[in-house]
Amino acid sequence: MDTSVAVRPSDAAVANPRQGEGMLLALPAAATAVLGEIGLRNRQLWQDELATWWSSTLSTSDFRFLTSHTDAVFTPYYYFMRGWVYVFGSSAGSLRVPSLLAMVLATLLVTLLGRRLYGTRAGVVAGFVFTVIPAVTRYAQEARPYALVVAGATLSTLLLLRAAERSTVVRWALYAAALAATMSLHLISVLLLLAHGAWMLGGRRDRSLVGWLVAVAVGLGPAGVVAAQSLGQRGQVSWIDTTGRSTLLFPVDLFLSALVVGPVLVLAGVAAYRGWSSDRRDTLLLGTWALAPVVVLFLAIPVIDLALPRYALFTLPAWAILAGRTVAGIRLVHPVWAPAAVVAVLFAVSLPGQVAVRRDPDWVPDLRSVAASLPNRLRDSDGIAYADTSWRERLGLTHEFGSMPRRPRDVFLAVPAQRLGTYAAGECADPHACAADVDRLWFVTPNTTGDPFADVPPAKAAVLRDEFRIARDEPYRRVRLLLLTRR
């Protein structure tokens, strides 16, 4: 196995080769940090990120009541984010920084794991392959736990190799702790154990196997608690509906680039084919890590449909390491410049995906523009109303209003979302009484064409039609803002 790197070292690197190698290993992580910072604040918080923000800003009692009814599966992540928000605030950028840091760490871990398995050159290339995947940037800029799970899965795998190399209580304890944190953040990551089990059973059955089994049992404990708390909330994923089309597009949606997924899968396939005869155990580890979780998710669809690409995001490090091994082995022209050229081509074809992941999807309403249009037009007595109790528009605008000194009163709000144990709100039973003292009302609806009150509950629609007139009607992407004035 060739672990040399044919680069011209600096004077410092000559004096200290390990320092030079350390700087080289850090380059992919630095690239991830740069790519992740670009456009970090551009996208609006979408529905799932709003859930993170909302749950992270509630009082402790309201938060516990909320998670006892909704999203118990994300409770460990929400607790972490509550501490983060307390210190760093709840702007879109602040909410996403933990994911960015986690993805930077994940890149470093991918590089180190690749080096451990296949040498320094392969590790560095694997880190860069991982970096250029648009999904890595996308979830580095998402206030959800997926980037943390990717980092945890990679760390767990690296710690497994270290513990099996020299079986000590401390090393197995660190592995168990990494497993516990990872699987608690997202229960689907328990499927990583399929890869770890395949690797352990592919080696000697000595005391390290016993250490692994004990560590797994300990690591599964916290995840089991989260799973038990979530048993009654299966309806939270009832909206997932895997179709034939979504099945075919799963690899593209996992990588978030049709141009990147093909080359990476081919390169990974070449590495797996070549490695099966030379280092079958490591190939089994990475191949099972890359494929088994996705296969299990699809096999489980008749029982529970969880086949979402982002749920399998923690498989990307395995694909990157396998692809990195193939690219690092290219010796055409030059042993360093040829792999560098391949990585540069991958980055070039990833650019459309890199641009796309920084934009609001077409299905996300442009609530940021709605909020920005209001400050100079608001009067102290103005109210705001929403077409229904859906929390997307209500929570979205509440977050976008931020620290605005003047914001309209939510006229029909009777019961805040957290008091219902959901993210939706309860509205007053007598809309006429709730709106009696309002002369101007800003009305927000996702109905962008036709009658703006068509999908509004009848009693509230009657008040809006009979007691107000439309003074202004402003369309935005996927949302409509009307100014209603008293007749």
Protein backbone atom coordinates (compact mmCIF):
# COMPACT_ATOMS: atom_id res chain seq x y z
CA MET A 1 0.00 0.00 0.00
CA ASP A 2 1.56 3.25 -1.16
CA THR A 3 1.06 6.03 1.37
CA SER A 4 3.45 8.57 -0.13
CA VAL A 5 2.24 11.92 -1.36
CA ALA A 6 4.29 13.43 -4.17
CA VAL A 7 3.97 17.10 -3.35
CA ARG A 8 6.64 19.69 -2.86
CA PRO A 9 6.78 20.21 0.90
CA SER A 10 7.34 23.51 2.59
CA ASP A 11 10.40 24.11 4.75
CA ALA A 12 8.26 23.49 7.83
CA ALA A 13 7.05 20.21 6.40
CA VAL A 14 10.62 19.11 5.69
CA ALA A 15 11.55 19.84 9.29
CA ASN A 16 8.44 18.09 10.56
CA PRO A 17 6.91 15.63 8.03
CA ARG A 18 4.00 14.80 10.34
CA GLN A 19 3.06 18.47 10.51
CA GLY A 20 3.10 18.63 6.71
CA GLU A 21 0.88 15.56 6.48
CA GLY A 22 -1.47 17.02 9.09
CA MET A 23 -1.89 20.16 7.03
CA LEU A 24 -2.61 18.06 3.95
CA LEU A 25 -5.22 15.99 5.79
CA ALA A 26 -6.94 19.17 6.97
CA LEU A 27 -7.41 20.59 3.45
CA PRO A 28 -10.71 18.77 2.63
CA ALA A 29 -12.25 19.89 5.94
CA ALA A 30 -11.17 23.47 5.22
CA ALA A 31 -12.80 23.23 1.79
CA THR A 32 -16.04 21.99 3.39
CA ALA A 33 -15.94 24.92 5.80
CA VAL A 34 -15.59 27.39 2.93
CA LEU A 35 -18.32 25.80 0.81
CA GLY A 36 -20.61 25.51 3.82
CA GLU A 37 -20.18 29.14 4.82
CA ILE A 38 -21.01 30.41 1.32
CA GLY A 39 -24.76 31.03 1.33
CA LEU A 40 -25.27 29.73 4.86
CA ARG A 41 -27.90 32.40 5.54
CA ASN A 42 -29.38 32.63 2.04
CA ARG A 43 -32.17 30.09 2.30
CA GLN A 44 -35.17 30.74 4.48
CA LEU A 45 -35.90 28.31 7.26
CA TRP A 46 -38.19 25.68 5.83
CA GLN A 47 -40.79 23.70 7.71
CA ASP A 48 -38.51 21.22 9.49
CA GLU A 49 -36.01 23.92 10.44
CA LEU A 50 -38.85 25.99 11.85
CA ALA A 51 -39.61 23.04 14.11
CA THR A 52 -36.01 23.16 15.33
CA TRP A 53 -36.23 26.90 15.99
CA TRP A 54 -39.60 26.69 17.72
CA SER A 55 -38.72 23.80 20.00
CA SER A 56 -35.41 25.45 20.87
CA THR A 57 -37.02 28.68 22.07
CA LEU A 58 -39.88 27.35 24.21
CA SER A 59 -39.91 27.34 27.99
CA THR A 60 -38.77 24.07 29.54
CA SER A 61 -42.29 23.03 30.53
CA ASP A 62 -43.74 23.87 27.11
CA PHE A 63 -40.90 22.04 25.41
CA ARG A 64 -41.49 18.89 27.43
CA PHE A 65 -45.20 19.03 26.69
CA LEU A 66 -44.50 19.50 22.98
CA THR A 67 -42.11 16.55 22.69
CA SER A 68 -44.43 14.33 24.70
CA HIS A 69 -46.89 14.69 21.82
CA THR A 70 -44.71 15.47 18.78
CA ASP A 71 -41.18 14.80 17.52
CA ALA A 72 -39.97 12.81 20.52
CA VAL A 73 -37.52 11.16 18.13
CA PHE A 74 -35.66 14.47 17.84
CA THR A 75 -35.63 15.25 21.57
CA PRO A 76 -31.86 14.76 22.09
CA TYR A 77 -31.10 17.08 19.14
CA TYR A 78 -33.59 19.65 20.38
CA TYR A 79 -32.00 19.64 23.83
CA PHE A 80 -28.64 20.30 22.24
CA MET A 81 -30.07 23.11 20.14
CA ARG A 82 -31.78 24.67 23.14
CA GLY A 83 -28.39 25.12 24.76
CA TRP A 84 -26.92 26.41 21.51
CA VAL A 85 -29.70 28.95 20.99
CA TYR A 86 -29.42 30.14 24.58
CA VAL A 87 -25.79 31.08 23.94
CA PHE A 88 -25.70 32.04 20.26
CA GLY A 89 -29.23 33.13 19.37
CA SER A 90 -31.82 31.87 16.91
CA SER A 91 -31.08 33.57 13.60
CA ALA A 92 -31.06 31.32 10.53
CA GLY A 93 -27.27 31.45 10.40
CA SER A 94 -26.84 30.66 14.09
CA LEU A 95 -29.25 27.72 13.92
CA ARG A 96 -27.25 26.20 11.06
CA VAL A 97 -23.73 26.64 12.43
CA PRO A 98 -23.80 23.35 14.45
CA SER A 99 -24.54 21.46 11.23
CA LEU A 100 -21.73 23.26 9.43
CA LEU A 101 -19.27 22.44 12.20
CA ALA A 102 -20.47 18.83 12.24
CA MET A 103 -20.00 18.46 8.48
CA VAL A 104 -16.52 19.97 8.67
CA LEU A 105 -15.70 17.42 11.38
CA ALA A 106 -17.25 14.67 9.27
CA THR A 107 -14.97 15.62 6.35
CA LEU A 108 -11.91 15.42 8.57
CA LEU A 109 -13.06 12.04 9.88
CA VAL A 110 -13.68 10.74 6.35
CA THR A 111 -10.14 11.79 5.46
CA LEU A 112 -8.67 10.09 8.54
CA LEU A 113 -10.70 6.93 8.04
CA GLY A 114 -9.70 6.78 4.38
CA ARG A 115 -6.05 7.19 5.37
CA ARG A 116 -6.32 4.44 7.95
CA LEU A 117 -7.81 2.02 5.45
CA TYR A 118 -5.98 2.88 2.23
CA GLY A 119 -3.23 5.42 2.89
CA THR A 120 -2.78 9.17 3.01
CA ARG A 121 -3.38 9.86 -0.68
CA ALA A 122 -6.65 7.90 -0.67
CA GLY A 123 -7.76 9.59 2.55
CA VAL A 124 -7.19 13.09 1.21
CA VAL A 125 -8.92 12.29 -2.08
CA ALA A 126 -11.86 10.72 -0.19
CA GLY A 127 -12.17 13.88 1.86
CA PHE A 128 -12.34 16.02 -1.26
CA VAL A 129 -14.83 13.67 -2.94
CA PHE A 130 -17.02 13.95 0.15
CA THR A 131 -16.67 17.75 0.12
CA VAL A 132 -17.86 18.25 -3.45
CA ILE A 133 -21.06 16.21 -3.02
CA PRO A 134 -23.83 18.87 -3.03
CA ALA A 135 -25.78 17.04 -0.32
CA VAL A 136 -22.85 17.61 2.05
CA THR A 137 -23.18 21.37 1.56
CA ARG A 138 -26.97 21.21 1.71
CA TYR A 139 -27.07 19.54 5.10
CA ALA A 140 -24.15 21.57 6.40
CA GLN A 141 -26.62 24.44 5.97
CA GLU A 142 -29.63 22.79 7.59
CA ALA A 143 -30.78 23.20 11.18
CA ARG A 144 -31.53 19.50 11.58
CA PRO A 145 -29.51 16.61 13.07
CA TYR A 146 -28.43 14.91 9.82
CA ALA A 147 -24.94 16.46 9.61
CA LEU A 148 -24.31 15.52 13.24
CA VAL A 149 -25.35 11.94 12.44
CA VAL A 150 -22.93 11.82 9.49
CA ALA A 151 -20.09 12.95 11.75
CA GLY A 152 -21.14 10.51 14.47
CA ALA A 153 -21.35 7.57 12.09
CA THR A 154 -17.87 8.25 10.71
CA LEU A 155 -16.41 8.79 14.18
CA SER A 156 -18.01 5.56 15.42
CA THR A 157 -16.47 3.62 12.54
CA LEU A 158 -13.01 5.08 13.13
CA LEU A 159 -13.25 4.32 16.84
CA LEU A 160 -14.35 0.77 16.05
CA LEU A 161 -11.19 0.16 14.03
CA ARG A 162 -9.05 1.61 16.80
CA ALA A 163 -10.74 -0.46 19.51
CA ALA A 164 -10.49 -3.68 17.51
CA GLU A 165 -6.81 -2.98 16.84
CA ARG A 166 -6.05 -2.75 20.55
CA SER A 167 -8.93 -3.86 22.73
CA THR A 168 -9.09 -1.73 25.89
CA VAL A 169 -11.95 -0.64 28.09
CA VAL A 170 -11.31 3.02 27.29
CA ARG A 171 -11.39 2.49 23.53
CA TRP A 172 -14.59 0.44 23.65
CA ALA A 173 -16.14 3.02 25.98
CA LEU A 174 -15.37 5.78 23.48
CA TYR A 175 -16.90 3.71 20.70
CA ALA A 176 -20.02 3.04 22.79
CA ALA A 177 -20.37 6.75 23.58
CA ALA A 178 -20.09 7.68 19.90
CA LEU A 179 -22.71 5.07 18.99
CA ALA A 180 -25.06 6.26 21.73
CA ALA A 181 -24.84 9.88 20.61
CA THR A 182 -25.24 9.03 16.93
CA MET A 183 -28.17 6.67 17.26
CA SER A 184 -29.94 8.95 19.73
CA LEU A 185 -29.75 11.84 17.27
CA HIS A 186 -31.47 9.77 14.59
CA LEU A 187 -32.71 6.24 15.14
CA ILE A 188 -32.23 5.17 11.52
CA SER A 189 -28.47 5.35 12.07
CA VAL A 190 -28.78 2.11 14.07
CA LEU A 191 -28.46 0.48 10.63
CA LEU A 192 -24.78 1.43 10.72
CA LEU A 193 -24.35 -1.55 13.04
CA LEU A 194 -24.91 -3.84 10.06
CA ALA A 195 -21.62 -2.61 8.61
CA HIS A 196 -19.83 -2.75 11.94
CA GLY A 197 -21.12 -6.26 12.57
CA ALA A 198 -20.05 -7.44 9.13
CA TRP A 199 -16.55 -6.11 9.73
CA MET A 200 -16.26 -7.63 13.20
CA LEU A 201 -17.54 -11.05 12.10
CA GLY A 202 -15.18 -10.96 9.15
CA GLY A 203 -12.17 -10.92 11.47
CA ARG A 204 -10.94 -13.06 14.31
CA ARG A 205 -13.53 -14.07 16.88
CA ASP A 206 -11.53 -13.16 19.94
CA ARG A 207 -12.13 -10.93 22.94
CA SER A 208 -12.51 -7.90 20.68
CA LEU A 209 -15.82 -9.38 19.49
CA VAL A 210 -16.99 -9.55 23.09
CA GLY A 211 -15.90 -5.95 23.61
CA TRP A 212 -17.84 -4.92 20.53
CA LEU A 213 -21.01 -6.68 21.65
CA VAL A 214 -20.84 -5.05 25.08
CA ALA A 215 -20.19 -1.61 23.54
CA VAL A 216 -23.12 -2.04 21.15
CA ALA A 217 -25.42 -3.01 24.01
CA VAL A 218 -24.36 0.07 25.96
CA GLY A 219 -24.66 2.31 22.90
CA LEU A 220 -28.16 1.06 22.12
CA GLY A 221 -29.44 2.02 25.57
CA PRO A 222 -30.07 5.74 24.99
CA ALA A 223 -31.44 5.05 21.51
CA GLY A 224 -33.82 2.53 23.02
CA VAL A 225 -35.15 5.19 25.40
CA VAL A 226 -35.76 7.58 22.50
CA ALA A 227 -37.44 4.81 20.50
CA ALA A 228 -39.72 3.94 23.42
CA GLN A 229 -40.76 7.58 23.80
CA SER A 230 -41.54 7.76 20.09
CA LEU A 231 -43.68 4.63 19.81
CA GLY A 232 -46.96 6.51 19.99
CA GLN A 233 -45.93 9.10 17.41
CA ARG A 234 -45.76 6.95 14.30
CA GLY A 235 -48.11 9.39 12.60
CA GLN A 236 -45.17 11.81 12.38
CA VAL A 237 -43.87 9.88 9.35
CA SER A 238 -47.24 8.93 7.86
CA TRP A 239 -46.77 11.54 5.12
CA ILE A 240 -43.87 9.61 3.56
CA ASP A 241 -45.05 7.88 0.40
CA THR A 242 -42.36 6.14 -1.62
CA THR A 243 -43.35 5.78 -5.27
CA GLY A 244 -41.67 4.11 -8.22
CA ARG A 245 -40.34 7.47 -9.36
CA SER A 246 -38.92 8.39 -5.96
CA THR A 247 -37.29 4.96 -5.78
CA LEU A 248 -35.54 5.49 -9.10
CA LEU A 249 -34.45 8.98 -8.07
CA PHE A 250 -33.27 7.94 -4.61
CA PRO A 251 -29.53 7.97 -5.48
CA VAL A 252 -29.85 11.37 -7.15
CA ASP A 253 -31.78 12.76 -4.19
CA LEU A 254 -29.23 11.30 -1.78
CA PHE A 255 -26.32 13.08 -3.49
CA LEU A 256 -28.49 16.03 -4.66
CA SER A 257 -26.76 15.96 -8.03
CA ALA A 258 -27.48 13.80 -11.05
CA LEU A 259 -24.05 14.72 -12.42
CA VAL A 260 -22.09 13.69 -9.33
CA VAL A 261 -23.89 10.52 -8.27
CA GLY A 262 -23.00 8.52 -11.39
CA PRO A 263 -19.22 9.04 -11.30
CA VAL A 264 -19.02 8.50 -7.53
CA LEU A 265 -21.01 5.26 -7.67
CA VAL A 266 -18.90 3.97 -10.56
CA LEU A 267 -15.63 4.84 -8.82
CA ALA A 268 -16.88 3.24 -5.60
CA GLY A 269 -17.94 0.14 -7.52
CA VAL A 270 -14.49 -0.20 -9.04
CA ALA A 271 -12.90 0.03 -5.58
CA ALA A 272 -15.28 -2.60 -4.20
CA TYR A 273 -14.59 -4.96 -7.10
CA ARG A 274 -10.83 -4.63 -6.79
CA GLY A 275 -10.84 -4.73 -3.02
CA TRP A 276 -12.91 -7.89 -2.71
CA SER A 277 -9.87 -10.06 -3.42
CA SER A 278 -7.20 -7.98 -1.69
CA ASP A 279 -8.81 -6.56 1.46
CA ARG A 280 -12.23 -8.14 1.63
CA ARG A 281 -12.90 -7.23 5.25
CA ASP A 282 -12.52 -3.46 4.75
CA THR A 283 -14.42 -3.63 1.48
CA LEU A 284 -17.23 -5.44 3.30
CA LEU A 285 -17.27 -2.71 5.93
CA LEU A 286 -17.61 0.13 3.42
CA GLY A 287 -19.90 -1.73 1.04
CA THR A 288 -22.30 -2.71 3.79
CA TRP A 289 -22.19 0.82 5.19
CA ALA A 290 -23.00 2.29 1.79
CA LEU A 291 -25.75 -0.12 0.71
CA ALA A 292 -27.31 -2.02 3.63
CA PRO A 293 -29.14 0.92 5.28
CA VAL A 294 -30.80 1.87 1.99
CA VAL A 295 -31.78 -1.73 1.25
CA VAL A 296 -33.29 -2.15 4.71
CA LEU A 297 -35.25 1.10 4.42
CA PHE A 298 -36.84 -0.11 1.20
CA LEU A 299 -37.49 -3.61 2.53
CA ALA A 300 -39.26 -2.06 5.53
CA ILE A 301 -41.70 -0.02 3.42
CA PRO A 302 -44.62 -2.51 3.82
CA VAL A 303 -44.28 -2.11 7.60
CA ILE A 304 -43.22 1.53 7.87
CA ASP A 305 -42.13 3.83 5.06
CA LEU A 306 -38.93 5.62 6.03
CA ALA A 307 -37.23 5.62 2.63
CA LEU A 308 -36.19 9.28 2.63
CA PRO A 309 -32.78 10.10 1.11
CA ARG A 310 -31.80 12.37 3.98
CA TYR A 311 -32.36 9.51 6.41
CA ALA A 312 -29.57 7.65 4.60
CA LEU A 313 -27.21 10.62 4.48
CA PHE A 314 -24.83 8.87 6.89
CA THR A 315 -23.93 6.43 4.08
CA LEU A 316 -22.15 9.14 2.05
CA PRO A 317 -18.77 8.76 3.84
CA ALA A 318 -18.57 5.13 2.70
CA TRP A 319 -19.23 6.08 -0.93
CA ALA A 320 -16.62 8.84 -0.73
CA ILE A 321 -13.93 6.60 0.77
CA LEU A 322 -14.47 3.88 -1.83
CA ALA A 323 -14.41 6.43 -4.63
CA GLY A 324 -11.33 8.07 -3.11
CA ARG A 325 -9.50 4.76 -3.15
CA THR A 326 -10.08 4.34 -6.87
CA VAL A 327 -9.13 7.91 -7.73
CA ALA A 328 -5.99 7.79 -5.58
CA GLY A 329 -4.86 4.71 -7.48
CA ILE A 330 -4.82 6.51 -10.84
CA ARG A 331 -1.21 6.75 -11.97
CA LEU A 332 -1.69 8.34 -15.39
CA VAL A 333 0.59 11.34 -16.01
CA HIS A 334 1.42 11.84 -12.32
CA PRO A 335 0.43 10.02 -9.10
CA VAL A 336 -0.81 13.27 -7.52
CA TRP A 337 -1.94 15.45 -10.39
CA ALA A 338 -4.12 12.78 -11.97
CA PRO A 339 -6.26 12.30 -8.82
CA ALA A 340 -6.32 16.08 -8.37
CA ALA A 341 -7.64 16.46 -11.91
CA VAL A 342 -10.41 13.91 -11.26
CA VAL A 343 -11.44 15.73 -8.08
CA ALA A 344 -11.43 19.03 -10.00
CA VAL A 345 -13.72 17.52 -12.65
CA LEU A 346 -16.06 16.21 -9.94
CA PHE A 347 -16.18 19.68 -8.41
CA ALA A 348 -16.92 21.23 -11.80
CA VAL A 349 -19.84 18.90 -12.48
CA SER A 350 -21.11 19.48 -8.93
CA LEU A 351 -21.47 23.24 -9.48
CA PRO A 352 -25.11 23.16 -10.71
CA GLY A 353 -25.99 21.17 -7.61
CA GLN A 354 -23.94 23.48 -5.39
CA VAL A 355 -25.90 26.45 -6.73
CA ALA A 356 -29.25 24.69 -6.40
CA VAL A 357 -28.82 23.68 -2.76
CA ARG A 358 -28.29 27.31 -1.76
CA ARG A 359 -31.62 28.44 -3.19
CA ASP A 360 -35.06 28.18 -1.68
CA PRO A 361 -36.91 25.27 -3.31
CA ASP A 362 -39.87 26.34 -5.46
CA TRP A 363 -42.29 24.78 -2.99
CA VAL A 364 -41.12 26.95 -0.07
CA PRO A 365 -43.25 30.10 0.32
CA ASP A 366 -41.33 33.37 0.16
CA LEU A 367 -42.16 34.47 3.69
CA ARG A 368 -38.92 36.44 3.94
CA SER A 369 -40.14 38.86 1.27
CA VAL A 370 -43.53 39.10 2.95
CA ALA A 371 -41.92 40.02 6.28
CA ALA A 372 -39.55 42.49 4.62
CA SER A 373 -42.45 44.28 2.96
CA LEU A 374 -44.32 45.04 6.20
CA PRO A 375 -42.21 47.17 8.60
CA ASN A 376 -42.69 50.52 6.85
CA ARG A 377 -46.40 49.90 6.36
CA LEU A 378 -47.44 48.66 9.77
CA ARG A 379 -49.57 50.64 12.16
CA ASP A 380 -49.60 49.96 15.88
CA SER A 381 -53.16 48.64 15.76
CA ASP A 382 -52.67 46.34 12.76
CA GLY A 383 -53.40 42.65 13.06
CA ILE A 384 -52.33 39.63 11.08
CA ALA A 385 -54.34 36.53 10.20
CA TYR A 386 -53.61 33.22 8.52
CA ALA A 387 -55.79 31.11 6.27
CA ASP A 388 -55.69 28.10 8.57
CA THR A 389 -53.89 26.69 11.58
CA SER A 390 -50.99 25.37 9.46
CA TRP A 391 -47.75 26.23 11.21
CA ARG A 392 -45.66 26.80 8.10
CA GLU A 393 -46.84 30.35 7.42
CA ARG A 394 -47.47 31.27 11.05
CA LEU A 395 -44.15 30.09 12.45
CA GLY A 396 -42.28 31.12 9.33
CA LEU A 397 -43.39 34.72 9.54
CA THR A 398 -42.94 34.81 13.30
CA HIS A 399 -39.30 33.84 12.81
CA GLU A 400 -38.79 36.24 9.90
CA PHE A 401 -40.19 39.10 11.98
CA GLY A 402 -37.28 38.43 14.33
CA SER A 403 -36.56 41.45 16.52
CA MET A 404 -38.77 43.87 14.60
CA PRO A 405 -39.84 46.54 17.09
CA ARG A 406 -43.29 46.59 15.55
CA ARG A 407 -45.15 43.48 14.50
CA PRO A 408 -48.85 42.84 13.93
CA ARG A 409 -50.91 41.00 16.53
CA ASP A 410 -52.03 37.48 15.61
CA VAL A 411 -55.75 38.26 15.71
CA PHE A 412 -57.28 34.78 15.62
CA LEU A 413 -54.69 33.01 17.77
CA ALA A 414 -56.35 31.50 20.84
CA VAL A 415 -54.06 28.68 21.93
CA PRO A 416 -50.31 28.87 21.14
CA ALA A 417 -48.90 25.83 19.40
CA GLN A 418 -46.90 24.55 22.36
CA ARG A 419 -50.05 24.38 24.52
CA LEU A 420 -51.52 21.87 22.05
CA GLY A 421 -48.44 19.69 21.92
CA THR A 422 -48.06 20.36 18.20
CA TYR A 423 -46.54 22.99 15.93
CA ALA A 424 -49.98 24.14 14.76
CA ALA A 425 -52.02 26.71 16.65
CA GLY A 426 -55.54 26.72 18.01
CA GLU A 427 -57.72 29.57 16.81
CA CYS A 428 -60.57 31.31 18.64
CA ALA A 429 -64.04 29.84 18.45
CA ASP A 430 -65.68 33.23 17.79
CA PRO A 431 -63.79 34.95 14.93
CA HIS A 432 -66.16 37.94 15.02
CA ALA A 433 -65.28 38.73 18.63
CA CYS A 434 -61.55 38.22 18.06
CA ALA A 435 -61.49 40.70 15.16
CA ALA A 436 -63.89 43.22 16.66
CA ASP A 437 -61.24 45.81 17.59
CA VAL A 438 -59.15 45.53 14.40
CA ASP A 439 -59.46 48.08 11.62
CA ARG A 440 -56.65 46.79 9.40
CA LEU A 441 -55.75 43.15 8.95
CA TRP A 442 -52.85 41.63 7.01
CA PHE A 443 -54.05 38.28 5.70
CA VAL A 444 -51.58 35.52 4.70
CA THR A 445 -52.69 32.59 2.58
CA PRO A 446 -50.98 29.90 0.47
CA ASN A 447 -53.88 30.25 -1.99
CA THR A 448 -52.17 32.35 -4.65
CA THR A 449 -55.01 32.47 -7.19
CA GLY A 450 -58.76 32.95 -7.14
CA ASP A 451 -60.83 33.53 -4.02
CA PRO A 452 -58.36 34.09 -1.13
CA PHE A 453 -60.93 32.90 1.41
CA ALA A 454 -61.91 29.69 -0.42
CA ASP A 455 -60.00 27.37 1.93
CA VAL A 456 -60.62 29.35 5.13
CA PRO A 457 -62.89 27.82 7.82
CA PRO A 458 -66.47 29.07 7.17
CA ALA A 459 -66.92 31.17 10.32
CA LYS A 460 -63.64 32.99 9.87
CA ALA A 461 -64.21 33.39 6.11
CA ALA A 462 -67.57 35.03 6.80
CA VAL A 463 -65.94 37.61 9.08
CA LEU A 464 -63.23 38.38 6.54
CA ARG A 465 -65.69 38.74 3.67
CA ASP A 466 -68.50 40.59 5.46
CA GLU A 467 -66.59 42.90 7.79
CA PHE A 468 -63.53 43.74 5.67
CA ARG A 469 -62.70 44.68 2.12
CA ILE A 470 -59.53 43.92 0.17
CA ALA A 471 -57.47 47.10 -0.06
CA ARG A 472 -54.34 45.45 -1.45
CA ASP A 473 -53.48 42.05 -2.90
CA GLU A 474 -49.78 41.13 -3.25
CA PRO A 475 -48.62 37.80 -4.70
CA TYR A 476 -45.32 36.21 -3.66
CA ARG A 477 -43.89 32.78 -4.39
CA ARG A 478 -46.30 30.21 -2.95
CA VAL A 479 -47.92 32.77 -0.67
CA ARG A 480 -50.22 35.79 -0.93
CA LEU A 481 -50.48 38.85 1.30
CA LEU A 482 -53.68 40.87 1.45
CA LEU A 483 -54.37 44.08 3.32
CA LEU A 484 -57.95 44.03 4.61
CA THR A 485 -59.56 47.20 5.91
CA ARG A 486 -62.75 47.57 7.92
CA ARG A 487 -65.88 48.23 5.87
